[in-house]
Amino acid sequence: MKSILFATVFAAAAAVAVGSRPADAAGCLKGAAVGGVAGHVAGHGVLGAAAGCAVGRHEANKSARAQTVQSGNSGAGQGNAASDSSATTR
């Protein structure tokens, strides 16, 4: 149990030290908690927490990118109308 607590505190301190945004920290903390438990079962709590933090941050970044792309596609194709018409008049 100490290793899970240590791993979670270590992951939280690392996230704060890096100065990441709350979404990244949340992904790291959730991943570290899950990875710490899984790693504890396997006998490597700190290693599991570190890997869980990396996976959690990756998933949070992937989710943020998907939201950015989704919100950016609302006006897709509208900005290219002028360049398309000038290319056809030449």
Protein backbone atom coordinates (compact mmCIF):
# COMPACT_ATOMS: atom_id res chain seq x y z
CA MET A 1 0.00 0.00 0.00
CA LYS A 2 2.91 2.34 0.68
CA SER A 3 4.20 1.91 -2.85
CA ILE A 4 0.84 2.91 -4.34
CA LEU A 5 0.70 6.00 -2.17
CA PHE A 6 4.31 6.86 -2.94
CA ALA A 7 3.79 6.38 -6.66
CA THR A 8 0.68 8.54 -6.69
CA VAL A 9 2.36 11.31 -4.71
CA PHE A 10 5.42 11.09 -6.95
CA ALA A 11 3.30 11.32 -10.10
CA ALA A 12 1.37 14.29 -8.71
CA ALA A 13 4.59 16.07 -7.75
CA ALA A 14 6.06 15.42 -11.19
CA ALA A 15 2.95 16.81 -12.87
CA VAL A 16 3.07 19.95 -10.74
CA ALA A 17 6.82 20.38 -11.27
CA VAL A 18 6.46 20.18 -15.04
CA GLY A 19 3.73 22.82 -14.92
CA SER A 20 1.31 20.92 -17.08
CA ARG A 21 -2.27 21.94 -17.71
CA PRO A 22 -5.01 20.42 -15.53
CA ALA A 23 -6.15 18.05 -18.28
CA ASP A 24 -2.66 16.60 -18.60
CA ALA A 25 -2.28 16.31 -14.84
CA ALA A 26 -5.66 14.63 -14.55
CA GLY A 27 -4.69 12.09 -17.18
CA CYS A 28 -1.40 11.48 -15.42
CA LEU A 29 -2.99 11.12 -12.00
CA LYS A 30 -5.70 8.74 -13.18
CA GLY A 31 -3.18 6.70 -15.14
CA ALA A 32 -0.72 6.65 -12.24
CA ALA A 33 -3.40 5.43 -9.86
CA VAL A 34 -4.46 2.61 -12.17
CA GLY A 35 -0.86 1.78 -13.12
CA GLY A 36 0.21 1.84 -9.48
CA VAL A 37 -2.45 -0.67 -8.53
CA ALA A 38 -1.66 -2.91 -11.49
CA GLY A 39 2.06 -2.57 -10.83
CA HIS A 40 1.56 -3.35 -7.15
CA VAL A 41 -0.19 -6.60 -8.07
CA ALA A 42 2.74 -7.45 -10.33
CA GLY A 43 5.28 -6.35 -7.70
CA HIS A 44 6.40 -3.14 -9.41
CA GLY A 45 4.19 -0.36 -8.07
CA VAL A 46 6.39 2.62 -8.93
CA LEU A 47 7.14 1.34 -12.40
CA GLY A 48 3.44 0.74 -13.01
CA ALA A 49 2.58 4.23 -11.80
CA ALA A 50 5.17 5.82 -14.10
CA ALA A 51 3.90 3.85 -17.08
CA GLY A 52 0.30 4.62 -16.12
CA CYS A 53 1.10 8.32 -15.95
CA ALA A 54 2.63 8.22 -19.45
CA VAL A 55 -0.38 6.37 -20.85
CA GLY A 56 -2.80 8.70 -19.05
CA ARG A 57 -1.09 11.79 -20.47
CA HIS A 58 -1.10 10.23 -23.94
CA GLU A 59 -4.82 9.51 -23.75
CA ALA A 60 -5.58 13.01 -22.43
CA ASN A 61 -3.55 14.59 -25.24
CA LYS A 62 -5.23 12.36 -27.81
CA SER A 63 -8.65 13.37 -26.50
CA ALA A 64 -7.71 17.06 -26.56
CA ARG A 65 -6.45 16.75 -30.16
CA ALA A 66 -9.66 15.02 -31.21
CA GLN A 67 -11.74 17.80 -29.68
CA THR A 68 -9.61 20.44 -31.41
CA VAL A 69 -9.95 18.74 -34.78
CA GLN A 70 -13.66 18.25 -34.28
CA SER A 71 -14.24 21.92 -33.45
CA GLY A 72 -11.96 23.01 -36.31
CA ASN A 73 -13.92 21.07 -38.95
CA SER A 74 -17.10 23.13 -38.55
CA GLY A 75 -15.99 25.60 -41.27
CA ALA A 76 -13.88 23.29 -43.40
CA GLY A 77 -13.69 24.16 -47.08
CA GLN A 78 -15.13 27.67 -46.75
CA GLY A 79 -11.76 29.42 -46.67
CA ASN A 80 -10.55 27.95 -49.96
CA ALA A 81 -13.34 29.29 -52.20
CA ALA A 82 -11.38 32.40 -53.32
CA SER A 83 -8.23 30.48 -54.16
CA ASP A 84 -10.19 27.82 -56.05
CA SER A 85 -12.02 30.37 -58.21
CA SER A 86 -8.84 32.32 -59.03
CA ALA A 87 -7.10 29.13 -60.08
CA THR A 88 -9.87 28.27 -62.54
CA THR A 89 -9.91 31.74 -64.19
CA ARG A 90 -6.29 31.57 -65.29
